[in-house]
Amino acid sequence: MHAYLDFYLDAGLALSAMVFGTFLLAGTVKGCIGLGLPTVAVGLLSLTMPAPQAAALLVVPSIVTNVWQCVVGGHFAALLRRLAPMLVAICVGNAVGVLWLAGTAVAGAGSLLGCALLLYAVLGLAAVRMQVPPQAEWWLGPLTGAATGLITAATGVFVIPAVPYLQALGLERNTLVQAMGISFMVSTLAMAGGLIYSGALGGAEASASVLAVAPALVGMALGGWLRQRVSEKVFKRGFFIALFLLGGHLLLAG
């Protein structure tokens, strides 16, 4: 058990409390609206640690909390076939990004993350409604996946442009939630491979990530409770406003 605590013992009480509090909040957001765990977790943790380290802590909670989202819904096989070009491109884009950035410190990583969060927040607040015609999926899916993979490699956040693309496919709500879960799972696994390759995800980070699962799951349960009592529209607006402010701070600080 001591090995699992090494990261937190070295980090100190204040940073450890922030990590657990961040995953509690991130899990709450995901439990309420079905997404937001990586965005909130990496965004907030990047205020106190490098983005790759924040992304490393995200890996296990993201995998665990996305399992149900992938398999529940009854359309797993059909979605996997339909989204396969995008999913493959996510892995390729992430690998290219990791190799491109290998051995280098991304001087503007904080600014890149801030830009990604700002873009996501603006799209959410503007309630932009896009539509992808079926005949465009064969080329737009891989393009979206490659861009998502590159952004994931640089920032640890994998919602842009994958989520807007999935929303533009015109999927029924439960199917959309399942599609996002599949996309998030593939992105997380690709990101984990990149972090291991770059040395950012070692034994200490992996153990610390395992312990972060508990607050994330508690948060998801709390988010599910809130979903029954708070308007999803109001909660989403608050979420995107907070994300906009966080992205602006990271952009200016970077």
Protein backbone atom coordinates (compact mmCIF):
# COMPACT_ATOMS: atom_id res chain seq x y z
CA MET A 1 0.00 0.00 0.00
CA HIS A 2 2.92 2.32 0.74
CA ALA A 3 3.89 2.23 -2.95
CA TYR A 4 0.47 3.58 -3.88
CA LEU A 5 0.98 6.50 -1.52
CA ASP A 6 4.48 7.50 -2.67
CA PHE A 7 3.25 10.16 -5.09
CA TYR A 8 0.96 11.75 -2.49
CA LEU A 9 3.57 11.54 0.29
CA ASP A 10 6.02 13.39 -1.94
CA ALA A 11 3.36 15.86 -3.11
CA GLY A 12 2.33 16.93 0.37
CA LEU A 13 -1.06 17.38 1.99
CA ALA A 14 -2.19 20.50 0.09
CA LEU A 15 -1.49 19.14 -3.40
CA SER A 16 -2.89 15.71 -2.51
CA ALA A 17 -6.09 17.34 -1.27
CA MET A 18 -6.32 19.30 -4.52
CA VAL A 19 -5.88 16.13 -6.60
CA PHE A 20 -8.65 14.27 -4.76
CA GLY A 21 -10.90 17.35 -4.74
CA THR A 22 -10.34 17.83 -8.46
CA PHE A 23 -11.34 14.26 -9.29
CA LEU A 24 -14.38 14.56 -7.02
CA LEU A 25 -15.46 17.66 -8.95
CA ALA A 26 -14.58 16.17 -12.34
CA GLY A 27 -16.53 13.01 -11.53
CA THR A 28 -19.51 15.10 -10.45
CA VAL A 29 -19.51 16.94 -13.78
CA LYS A 30 -19.30 13.67 -15.72
CA GLY A 31 -22.03 12.08 -13.63
CA CYS A 32 -24.32 15.03 -14.30
CA ILE A 33 -23.79 15.65 -18.02
CA GLY A 34 -21.96 12.55 -19.29
CA LEU A 35 -18.63 14.21 -20.10
CA GLY A 36 -16.08 16.62 -18.66
CA LEU A 37 -13.87 14.37 -16.52
CA PRO A 38 -10.63 14.84 -18.52
CA THR A 39 -11.35 18.48 -19.25
CA VAL A 40 -11.92 19.45 -15.62
CA ALA A 41 -9.21 17.19 -14.20
CA VAL A 42 -6.39 18.18 -16.56
CA GLY A 43 -7.50 21.81 -16.65
CA LEU A 44 -7.47 22.26 -12.87
CA LEU A 45 -4.45 20.07 -12.13
CA SER A 46 -2.42 21.93 -14.76
CA LEU A 47 -2.62 24.97 -12.49
CA THR A 48 -0.22 23.24 -10.08
CA MET A 49 1.67 20.65 -12.14
CA PRO A 50 2.87 20.02 -15.72
CA ALA A 51 0.11 18.94 -18.12
CA PRO A 52 1.72 15.50 -18.83
CA GLN A 53 1.72 14.71 -15.09
CA ALA A 54 -1.90 15.82 -14.81
CA ALA A 55 -2.77 13.63 -17.80
CA ALA A 56 -0.98 10.67 -16.20
CA LEU A 57 -3.13 10.96 -13.06
CA LEU A 58 -6.22 10.98 -15.28
CA VAL A 59 -5.59 7.63 -17.01
CA VAL A 60 -7.12 5.08 -14.62
CA PRO A 61 -10.13 7.20 -13.50
CA SER A 62 -10.91 7.93 -17.15
CA ILE A 63 -10.76 4.25 -18.11
CA VAL A 64 -12.89 3.12 -15.17
CA THR A 65 -15.55 5.82 -15.53
CA ASN A 66 -15.84 5.26 -19.28
CA VAL A 67 -16.39 1.49 -19.09
CA TRP A 68 -20.12 1.78 -18.47
CA GLN A 69 -20.47 4.52 -21.07
CA CYS A 70 -18.89 2.28 -23.72
CA VAL A 71 -20.95 -0.84 -23.15
CA VAL A 72 -24.33 0.46 -21.98
CA GLY A 73 -26.67 1.51 -24.75
CA GLY A 74 -26.93 -1.54 -26.99
CA HIS A 75 -25.15 -0.06 -30.01
CA PHE A 76 -21.52 -0.86 -29.23
CA ALA A 77 -20.74 -2.99 -32.29
CA ALA A 78 -22.57 -0.70 -34.72
CA LEU A 79 -20.90 2.43 -33.31
CA LEU A 80 -17.50 0.76 -33.33
CA ARG A 81 -17.86 0.02 -37.04
CA ARG A 82 -19.18 3.50 -37.85
CA LEU A 83 -16.55 5.34 -35.81
CA ALA A 84 -13.63 3.04 -36.67
CA PRO A 85 -11.95 5.51 -39.10
CA MET A 86 -12.03 8.27 -36.48
CA LEU A 87 -10.85 5.97 -33.69
CA VAL A 88 -7.92 4.66 -35.71
CA ALA A 89 -6.99 8.23 -36.66
CA ILE A 90 -7.06 9.24 -32.96
CA CYS A 91 -4.41 6.61 -32.24
CA VAL A 92 -2.33 7.62 -35.26
CA GLY A 93 -2.61 11.33 -34.48
CA ASN A 94 -1.65 10.75 -30.86
CA ALA A 95 1.35 8.63 -31.88
CA VAL A 96 2.52 11.29 -34.35
CA GLY A 97 2.10 13.96 -31.68
CA VAL A 98 4.05 11.95 -29.10
CA LEU A 99 6.91 11.26 -31.54
CA TRP A 100 6.92 14.88 -32.66
CA LEU A 101 7.12 16.16 -29.09
CA ALA A 102 9.41 13.37 -27.80
CA GLY A 103 12.29 14.66 -25.71
CA THR A 104 11.12 18.26 -25.87
CA ALA A 105 9.38 20.45 -23.33
CA VAL A 106 6.32 22.03 -24.83
CA ALA A 107 6.94 25.66 -23.91
CA GLY A 108 3.39 26.67 -24.70
CA ALA A 109 1.64 23.58 -23.30
CA GLY A 110 -0.32 25.66 -20.80
CA SER A 111 -1.38 28.09 -23.51
CA LEU A 112 -2.36 25.24 -25.85
CA LEU A 113 -4.47 23.69 -23.11
CA GLY A 114 -6.03 27.08 -22.39
CA CYS A 115 -6.89 27.53 -26.08
CA ALA A 116 -8.48 24.06 -26.23
CA LEU A 117 -10.60 24.76 -23.14
CA LEU A 118 -11.63 28.20 -24.43
CA LEU A 119 -12.68 26.76 -27.78
CA TYR A 120 -14.68 24.00 -26.12
CA ALA A 121 -16.34 26.50 -23.75
CA VAL A 122 -17.24 28.91 -26.55
CA LEU A 123 -18.80 26.12 -28.63
CA GLY A 124 -20.75 24.97 -25.60
CA LEU A 125 -21.99 28.43 -24.60
CA ALA A 126 -22.91 29.30 -28.18
CA ALA A 127 -24.84 26.02 -28.47
CA VAL A 128 -23.46 25.70 -31.99
CA ARG A 129 -25.52 23.21 -34.00
CA MET A 130 -23.50 21.56 -36.74
CA GLN A 131 -24.51 18.67 -38.95
CA VAL A 132 -22.30 16.15 -40.70
CA PRO A 133 -23.92 14.56 -43.78
CA PRO A 134 -23.41 10.78 -43.93
CA GLN A 135 -21.45 11.02 -47.19
CA ALA A 136 -18.84 13.23 -45.46
CA GLU A 137 -18.10 10.85 -42.59
CA TRP A 138 -15.53 8.82 -44.55
CA TRP A 139 -13.13 11.78 -44.76
CA LEU A 140 -14.23 14.05 -41.91
CA GLY A 141 -14.09 11.27 -39.31
CA PRO A 142 -10.38 10.49 -39.85
CA LEU A 143 -9.55 14.21 -40.04
CA THR A 144 -11.35 14.81 -36.74
CA GLY A 145 -9.65 11.81 -35.15
CA ALA A 146 -6.16 12.88 -36.25
CA ALA A 147 -6.71 16.40 -34.91
CA THR A 148 -8.06 15.01 -31.62
CA GLY A 149 -5.05 12.72 -31.28
CA LEU A 150 -2.59 15.55 -31.87
CA ILE A 151 -4.34 17.81 -29.34
CA THR A 152 -4.44 14.95 -26.84
CA ALA A 153 -0.69 14.40 -27.18
CA ALA A 154 0.00 18.10 -26.59
CA THR A 155 -2.53 18.89 -23.85
CA GLY A 156 -4.00 15.71 -22.35
CA VAL A 157 -7.54 16.84 -23.28
CA PHE A 158 -9.41 14.81 -25.90
CA VAL A 159 -12.76 16.53 -26.35
CA ILE A 160 -11.80 18.83 -29.24
CA PRO A 161 -12.80 18.33 -32.01
CA ALA A 162 -14.14 14.81 -31.30
CA VAL A 163 -17.15 15.81 -29.18
CA PRO A 164 -18.50 18.50 -31.56
CA TYR A 165 -18.06 16.03 -34.43
CA LEU A 166 -19.99 13.30 -32.60
CA GLN A 167 -22.73 15.77 -31.68
CA ALA A 168 -23.02 16.72 -35.35
CA LEU A 169 -23.75 13.12 -36.42
CA GLY A 170 -27.37 13.44 -35.33
CA LEU A 171 -27.26 10.48 -32.95
CA GLU A 172 -30.06 9.81 -30.47
CA ARG A 173 -29.06 11.01 -26.96
CA ASN A 174 -28.26 7.61 -25.40
CA THR A 175 -26.39 6.54 -28.54
CA LEU A 176 -24.43 9.81 -28.46
CA VAL A 177 -23.43 9.19 -24.84
CA GLN A 178 -22.22 5.70 -25.79
CA ALA A 179 -20.34 7.06 -28.81
CA MET A 180 -18.57 9.62 -26.61
CA GLY A 181 -17.67 6.86 -24.15
CA ILE A 182 -16.08 4.80 -26.93
CA SER A 183 -14.17 7.83 -28.20
CA PHE A 184 -12.99 8.77 -24.70
CA MET A 185 -11.86 5.21 -23.97
CA VAL A 186 -9.81 4.94 -27.16
CA SER A 187 -8.34 8.41 -26.57
CA THR A 188 -7.42 7.51 -22.99
CA LEU A 189 -5.69 4.28 -24.02
CA ALA A 190 -3.81 6.08 -26.82
CA MET A 191 -2.81 8.85 -24.41
CA ALA A 192 -1.64 6.29 -21.84
CA GLY A 193 0.59 4.64 -24.44
CA GLY A 194 2.09 8.00 -25.33
CA LEU A 195 2.68 8.91 -21.69
CA ILE A 196 4.41 5.57 -21.05
CA TYR A 197 6.59 6.09 -24.13
CA SER A 198 7.58 9.59 -23.01
CA GLY A 199 8.23 8.49 -19.43
CA ALA A 200 5.46 10.64 -17.92
CA LEU A 201 3.46 7.60 -16.74
CA GLY A 202 5.56 5.47 -14.44
CA GLY A 203 4.83 3.32 -11.42
CA ALA A 204 4.29 6.23 -9.04
CA GLU A 205 1.91 8.04 -11.38
CA ALA A 206 0.01 4.83 -12.19
CA SER A 207 -0.43 4.04 -8.50
CA ALA A 208 -1.55 7.59 -7.77
CA SER A 209 -4.01 7.34 -10.67
CA VAL A 210 -5.51 4.16 -9.20
CA LEU A 211 -6.21 5.94 -5.90
CA ALA A 212 -7.84 8.82 -7.78
CA VAL A 213 -10.57 6.43 -8.99
CA ALA A 214 -12.39 6.54 -5.64
CA PRO A 215 -13.13 10.30 -5.58
CA ALA A 216 -14.03 10.19 -9.29
CA LEU A 217 -16.62 7.45 -8.66
CA VAL A 218 -18.00 9.27 -5.61
CA GLY A 219 -18.27 12.37 -7.79
CA MET A 220 -20.12 10.44 -10.50
CA ALA A 221 -22.63 9.21 -7.93
CA LEU A 222 -23.08 12.77 -6.68
CA GLY A 223 -23.45 13.99 -10.28
CA GLY A 224 -26.15 11.40 -10.91
CA TRP A 225 -28.00 12.66 -7.83
CA LEU A 226 -27.66 16.29 -8.98
CA ARG A 227 -28.90 15.39 -12.48
CA GLN A 228 -32.28 14.53 -10.97
CA ARG A 229 -32.50 17.84 -9.10
CA VAL A 230 -30.75 20.49 -11.19
CA SER A 231 -31.60 21.54 -14.72
CA GLU A 232 -29.03 20.01 -17.07
CA LYS A 233 -29.14 23.20 -19.15
CA VAL A 234 -28.27 25.38 -16.14
CA PHE A 235 -25.54 22.99 -15.00
CA LYS A 236 -24.00 22.87 -18.48
CA ARG A 237 -23.98 26.66 -18.76
CA GLY A 238 -22.23 26.96 -15.40
CA PHE A 239 -19.76 24.29 -16.47
CA PHE A 240 -18.87 26.05 -19.72
CA ILE A 241 -18.56 29.45 -18.02
CA ALA A 242 -16.16 27.98 -15.46
CA LEU A 243 -14.27 26.25 -18.28
CA PHE A 244 -14.02 29.54 -20.16
CA LEU A 245 -12.53 31.28 -17.11
CA LEU A 246 -10.11 28.42 -16.48
CA GLY A 247 -9.02 28.34 -20.13
CA GLY A 248 -8.49 32.11 -20.10
CA HIS A 249 -6.35 31.85 -16.97
CA LEU A 250 -4.22 29.07 -18.43
CA LEU A 251 -3.81 30.97 -21.70
CA LEU A 252 -2.67 34.15 -19.94
CA ALA A 253 -0.48 32.32 -17.41
CA GLY A 254 1.13 30.23 -20.17
